[in-house]
Amino acid sequence: MGLRKILLVMVIAVFMAAGSAWAGNTVDINTATAKELQKVEGIGVKASAKIVAYRNENGPFKNVKGLLRVKGIGKKTLEKAMAKLSVGNAANDKADK
């Protein structure tokens, strides 16, 4: 591989990484640990533990609004956190399934 190709690959990698950071990554509520969930505004220690416990007992969430089924997570908390939460690759899946 020539030097130009190596440089091109490096530049593309940098732009892809910067694009992800600029777009603002979301936290997947089906894979996040309690500690990762706590990084989201409005979700503290107790709420994150309840989310993980609910997920472990009931299986993965179909959408972010599914958090409303977790005791202690209300509409205000969800509204505050919604922009930073996702389910799988679908950020802010607001459909109520």
Foldseek 3Di string as FASTA:
>chain_A
DDPVVVVVVVVVVVVVVVVCVVVAAAAALLPDQLVVVCVFPLRHNVLSVQSVVCCVVPNGDPWLVSSCVRPPDHPVSCVRRQQRYTHPPGRNPPDDD
